[in-house]
Protein backbone atom coordinates (compact mmCIF):
# COMPACT_ATOMS: atom_id res chain seq x y z
CA UNK A 1 0.00 0.00 0.00
CA UNK A 2 1.36 3.41 -0.97
CA UNK A 3 1.22 6.09 1.69
CA UNK A 4 1.15 9.69 0.53
CA UNK A 5 3.75 11.92 2.18
CA UNK A 6 3.45 15.69 2.47
CA UNK A 7 6.24 18.07 3.40
CA UNK A 8 5.24 21.18 5.34
CA UNK A 9 7.04 23.93 7.23
CA UNK A 10 7.05 24.14 10.99
CA UNK A 11 5.05 27.38 10.69
CA UNK A 12 2.29 25.62 8.74
CA UNK A 13 2.21 22.88 11.36
CA UNK A 14 1.85 25.48 14.09
CA UNK A 15 -1.01 27.20 12.25
CA UNK A 16 -2.99 24.07 11.27
CA UNK A 17 -2.02 21.49 13.89
CA UNK A 18 -5.49 20.02 14.36
CA UNK A 19 -6.27 19.83 10.63
CA UNK A 20 -2.91 18.15 9.99
CA UNK A 21 -3.48 15.72 12.89
CA UNK A 22 -6.83 14.75 11.35
CA UNK A 23 -5.16 14.17 7.96
CA UNK A 24 -2.65 11.84 9.58
CA UNK A 25 -5.18 10.03 11.79
CA UNK A 26 -8.11 9.62 9.42
CA UNK A 27 -6.64 9.74 5.91
CA UNK A 28 -3.36 7.97 6.68
CA UNK A 29 -1.22 10.71 5.16
CA UNK A 30 2.34 10.97 6.47
CA UNK A 31 3.62 14.49 7.11
CA UNK A 32 7.26 15.52 7.27
CA UNK A 33 7.96 18.85 8.95
CA UNK A 34 10.79 21.11 7.81
CA UNK A 35 12.60 23.78 9.78
CA UNK A 36 15.28 25.90 8.14
CA UNK A 37 15.33 23.60 5.11
CA UNK A 38 15.86 20.37 7.07
CA UNK A 39 13.26 17.74 7.85
CA UNK A 40 13.05 17.43 11.60
CA UNK A 41 9.83 15.54 12.40
CA UNK A 42 7.71 12.91 10.68
CA UNK A 43 4.08 12.49 11.70
CA UNK A 44 2.58 9.05 11.04
CA UNK A 45 -0.56 7.26 12.15
CA UNK A 46 -0.09 4.96 15.12
CA UNK A 47 -1.61 1.54 14.51
CA UNK A 48 -1.09 0.22 18.05
CA UNK A 49 -4.26 0.75 20.07
CA UNK A 50 -3.90 0.40 23.85
CA UNK A 51 -7.64 -0.22 24.18
CA UNK A 52 -7.34 -3.35 22.03
CA UNK A 53 -4.37 -4.54 24.13
CA UNK A 54 -6.40 -3.98 27.30
CA UNK A 55 -9.42 -5.85 25.89
CA UNK A 56 -7.18 -8.78 24.99
CA UNK A 57 -5.67 -8.76 28.47
CA UNK A 58 -9.08 -8.65 30.13
CA UNK A 59 -10.16 -11.68 28.09
CA UNK A 60 -7.06 -13.66 29.05
CA UNK A 61 -6.52 -12.71 32.69
CA UNK A 62 -9.67 -14.19 34.24
CA UNK A 63 -8.86 -17.52 32.62
CA UNK A 64 -5.34 -17.48 34.06
CA UNK A 65 -6.02 -16.01 37.51
CA UNK A 66 -5.62 -19.15 39.58
CA UNK A 67 -2.79 -20.57 37.48
CA UNK A 68 -0.41 -17.66 38.09
CA UNK A 69 0.27 -18.55 41.71
CA UNK A 70 2.45 -21.45 40.54
CA UNK A 71 4.49 -19.45 37.99
CA UNK A 72 7.98 -18.42 39.22
CA UNK A 73 8.73 -14.67 39.19
CA UNK A 74 11.40 -14.95 36.48
CA UNK A 75 8.90 -16.52 34.05
CA UNK A 76 6.30 -13.91 34.87
CA UNK A 77 8.68 -11.01 34.08
CA UNK A 78 9.02 -12.21 30.47
CA UNK A 79 5.38 -11.32 29.82
CA UNK A 80 5.44 -7.87 31.44
CA UNK A 81 6.38 -6.12 28.17
CA UNK A 82 2.78 -6.73 27.05
CA UNK A 83 1.55 -4.50 29.88
CA UNK A 84 3.37 -1.24 29.14
CA UNK A 85 1.00 1.49 30.30
CA UNK A 86 0.67 2.89 33.80
CA UNK A 87 -2.83 1.49 34.28
CA UNK A 88 -1.78 -1.94 33.03
CA UNK A 89 1.21 -1.99 35.41
CA UNK A 90 -1.03 -1.00 38.33
CA UNK A 91 -3.42 -3.80 37.36
CA UNK A 92 -0.54 -6.26 37.25
CA UNK A 93 0.55 -5.20 40.75
CA UNK A 94 -2.95 -6.00 42.00
CA UNK A 95 -2.80 -9.38 40.30
CA UNK A 96 0.50 -10.02 42.05
CA UNK A 97 -1.35 -9.91 45.36
CA UNK A 98 -3.23 -13.05 44.30
CA UNK A 99 -0.04 -15.04 44.59
CA UNK A 100 0.54 -17.12 47.72
CA UNK A 101 2.09 -15.33 50.65
CA UNK A 102 4.80 -16.90 52.79
CA UNK A 103 2.22 -18.47 55.10
CA UNK A 104 0.78 -20.36 52.11
CA UNK A 105 -2.44 -18.37 51.89
CA UNK A 106 -3.42 -15.96 49.14
CA UNK A 107 -4.75 -12.50 49.78
CA UNK A 108 -8.34 -13.53 49.07
C-alpha atoms as a PDB file:
ATOM      1  CA  UNK A   1       0.000   0.000   0.000  1.00  0.00           C
ATOM      2  CA  UNK A   2       1.358   3.407  -0.973  1.00  0.00           C
ATOM      3  CA  UNK A   3       1.216   6.093   1.686  1.00  0.00           C
ATOM      4  CA  UNK A   4       1.153   9.690   0.526  1.00  0.00           C
ATOM      5  CA  UNK A   5       3.748  11.923   2.181  1.00  0.00           C
ATOM      6  CA  UNK A   6       3.450  15.690   2.470  1.00  0.00           C
ATOM      7  CA  UNK A   7       6.239  18.073   3.400  1.00  0.00           C
ATOM      8  CA  UNK A   8       5.238  21.184   5.342  1.00  0.00           C
ATOM      9  CA  UNK A   9       7.036  23.930   7.233  1.00  0.00           C
ATOM     10  CA  UNK A  10       7.051  24.142  10.993  1.00  0.00           C
ATOM     11  CA  UNK A  11       5.054  27.377  10.692  1.00  0.00           C
ATOM     12  CA  UNK A  12       2.287  25.616   8.740  1.00  0.00           C
ATOM     13  CA  UNK A  13       2.211  22.876  11.364  1.00  0.00           C
ATOM     14  CA  UNK A  14       1.848  25.484  14.092  1.00  0.00           C
ATOM     15  CA  UNK A  15      -1.011  27.199  12.250  1.00  0.00           C
ATOM     16  CA  UNK A  16      -2.987  24.067  11.274  1.00  0.00           C
ATOM     17  CA  UNK A  17      -2.020  21.491  13.892  1.00  0.00           C
ATOM     18  CA  UNK A  18      -5.495  20.022  14.356  1.00  0.00           C
ATOM     19  CA  UNK A  19      -6.272  19.827  10.628  1.00  0.00           C
ATOM     20  CA  UNK A  20      -2.911  18.147   9.986  1.00  0.00           C
ATOM     21  CA  UNK A  21      -3.475  15.719  12.885  1.00  0.00           C
ATOM     22  CA  UNK A  22      -6.828  14.754  11.350  1.00  0.00           C
ATOM     23  CA  UNK A  23      -5.155  14.173   7.959  1.00  0.00           C
ATOM     24  CA  UNK A  24      -2.650  11.843   9.581  1.00  0.00           C
ATOM     25  CA  UNK A  25      -5.175  10.026  11.787  1.00  0.00           C
ATOM     26  CA  UNK A  26      -8.112   9.620   9.416  1.00  0.00           C
ATOM     27  CA  UNK A  27      -6.638   9.743   5.907  1.00  0.00           C
ATOM     28  CA  UNK A  28      -3.355   7.969   6.685  1.00  0.00           C
ATOM     29  CA  UNK A  29      -1.216  10.714   5.159  1.00  0.00           C
ATOM     30  CA  UNK A  30       2.342  10.967   6.470  1.00  0.00           C
ATOM     31  CA  UNK A  31       3.623  14.493   7.109  1.00  0.00           C
ATOM     32  CA  UNK A  32       7.263  15.518   7.267  1.00  0.00           C
ATOM     33  CA  UNK A  33       7.960  18.854   8.945  1.00  0.00           C
ATOM     34  CA  UNK A  34      10.792  21.105   7.813  1.00  0.00           C
ATOM     35  CA  UNK A  35      12.601  23.778   9.778  1.00  0.00           C
ATOM     36  CA  UNK A  36      15.283  25.896   8.144  1.00  0.00           C
ATOM     37  CA  UNK A  37      15.326  23.601   5.105  1.00  0.00           C
ATOM     38  CA  UNK A  38      15.856  20.368   7.070  1.00  0.00           C
ATOM     39  CA  UNK A  39      13.257  17.739   7.849  1.00  0.00           C
ATOM     40  CA  UNK A  40      13.046  17.432  11.601  1.00  0.00           C
ATOM     41  CA  UNK A  41       9.830  15.539  12.399  1.00  0.00           C
ATOM     42  CA  UNK A  42       7.710  12.912  10.681  1.00  0.00           C
ATOM     43  CA  UNK A  43       4.079  12.491  11.698  1.00  0.00           C
ATOM     44  CA  UNK A  44       2.584   9.051  11.044  1.00  0.00           C
ATOM     45  CA  UNK A  45      -0.563   7.256  12.150  1.00  0.00           C
ATOM     46  CA  UNK A  46      -0.086   4.955  15.116  1.00  0.00           C
ATOM     47  CA  UNK A  47      -1.607   1.539  14.513  1.00  0.00           C
ATOM     48  CA  UNK A  48      -1.091   0.217  18.050  1.00  0.00           C
ATOM     49  CA  UNK A  49      -4.256   0.751  20.070  1.00  0.00           C
ATOM     50  CA  UNK A  50      -3.904   0.404  23.855  1.00  0.00           C
ATOM     51  CA  UNK A  51      -7.643  -0.215  24.175  1.00  0.00           C
ATOM     52  CA  UNK A  52      -7.342  -3.347  22.031  1.00  0.00           C
ATOM     53  CA  UNK A  53      -4.373  -4.542  24.127  1.00  0.00           C
ATOM     54  CA  UNK A  54      -6.402  -3.977  27.298  1.00  0.00           C
ATOM     55  CA  UNK A  55      -9.425  -5.849  25.892  1.00  0.00           C
ATOM     56  CA  UNK A  56      -7.181  -8.779  24.991  1.00  0.00           C
ATOM     57  CA  UNK A  57      -5.667  -8.760  28.474  1.00  0.00           C
ATOM     58  CA  UNK A  58      -9.078  -8.647  30.125  1.00  0.00           C
ATOM     59  CA  UNK A  59     -10.160 -11.680  28.093  1.00  0.00           C
ATOM     60  CA  UNK A  60      -7.059 -13.664  29.045  1.00  0.00           C
ATOM     61  CA  UNK A  61      -6.525 -12.705  32.695  1.00  0.00           C
ATOM     62  CA  UNK A  62      -9.673 -14.187  34.243  1.00  0.00           C
ATOM     63  CA  UNK A  63      -8.857 -17.522  32.617  1.00  0.00           C
ATOM     64  CA  UNK A  64      -5.336 -17.482  34.059  1.00  0.00           C
ATOM     65  CA  UNK A  65      -6.016 -16.005  37.509  1.00  0.00           C
ATOM     66  CA  UNK A  66      -5.618 -19.151  39.576  1.00  0.00           C
ATOM     67  CA  UNK A  67      -2.791 -20.566  37.477  1.00  0.00           C
ATOM     68  CA  UNK A  68      -0.408 -17.663  38.089  1.00  0.00           C
ATOM     69  CA  UNK A  69       0.267 -18.548  41.714  1.00  0.00           C
ATOM     70  CA  UNK A  70       2.453 -21.450  40.536  1.00  0.00           C
ATOM     71  CA  UNK A  71       4.492 -19.448  37.986  1.00  0.00           C
ATOM     72  CA  UNK A  72       7.975 -18.421  39.221  1.00  0.00           C
ATOM     73  CA  UNK A  73       8.726 -14.668  39.191  1.00  0.00           C
ATOM     74  CA  UNK A  74      11.403 -14.952  36.484  1.00  0.00           C
ATOM     75  CA  UNK A  75       8.901 -16.523  34.053  1.00  0.00           C
ATOM     76  CA  UNK A  76       6.295 -13.905  34.870  1.00  0.00           C
ATOM     77  CA  UNK A  77       8.677 -11.013  34.085  1.00  0.00           C
ATOM     78  CA  UNK A  78       9.023 -12.207  30.467  1.00  0.00           C
ATOM     79  CA  UNK A  79       5.381 -11.317  29.821  1.00  0.00           C
ATOM     80  CA  UNK A  80       5.444  -7.866  31.435  1.00  0.00           C
ATOM     81  CA  UNK A  81       6.383  -6.124  28.174  1.00  0.00           C
ATOM     82  CA  UNK A  82       2.778  -6.727  27.051  1.00  0.00           C
ATOM     83  CA  UNK A  83       1.554  -4.499  29.880  1.00  0.00           C
ATOM     84  CA  UNK A  84       3.371  -1.240  29.141  1.00  0.00           C
ATOM     85  CA  UNK A  85       1.000   1.491  30.298  1.00  0.00           C
ATOM     86  CA  UNK A  86       0.669   2.895  33.795  1.00  0.00           C
ATOM     87  CA  UNK A  87      -2.831   1.492  34.281  1.00  0.00           C
ATOM     88  CA  UNK A  88      -1.776  -1.941  33.031  1.00  0.00           C
ATOM     89  CA  UNK A  89       1.208  -1.986  35.412  1.00  0.00           C
ATOM     90  CA  UNK A  90      -1.033  -1.001  38.327  1.00  0.00           C
ATOM     91  CA  UNK A  91      -3.420  -3.797  37.365  1.00  0.00           C
ATOM     92  CA  UNK A  92      -0.543  -6.260  37.250  1.00  0.00           C
ATOM     93  CA  UNK A  93       0.552  -5.200  40.750  1.00  0.00           C
ATOM     94  CA  UNK A  94      -2.947  -6.002  41.997  1.00  0.00           C
ATOM     95  CA  UNK A  95      -2.798  -9.383  40.295  1.00  0.00           C
ATOM     96  CA  UNK A  96       0.503 -10.024  42.050  1.00  0.00           C
ATOM     97  CA  UNK A  97      -1.351  -9.914  45.358  1.00  0.00           C
ATOM     98  CA  UNK A  98      -3.229 -13.053  44.301  1.00  0.00           C
ATOM     99  CA  UNK A  99      -0.039 -15.038  44.595  1.00  0.00           C
ATOM    100  CA  UNK A 100       0.535 -17.122  47.719  1.00  0.00           C
ATOM    101  CA  UNK A 101       2.093 -15.335  50.652  1.00  0.00           C
ATOM    102  CA  UNK A 102       4.798 -16.899  52.793  1.00  0.00           C
ATOM    103  CA  UNK A 103       2.217 -18.474  55.100  1.00  0.00           C
ATOM    104  CA  UNK A 104       0.779 -20.363  52.107  1.00  0.00           C
ATOM    105  CA  UNK A 105      -2.439 -18.370  51.885  1.00  0.00           C
ATOM    106  CA  UNK A 106      -3.417 -15.962  49.137  1.00  0.00           C
ATOM    107  CA  UNK A 107      -4.747 -12.495  49.781  1.00  0.00           C
ATOM    108  CA  UNK A 108      -8.340 -13.526  49.066  1.00  0.00           C
END
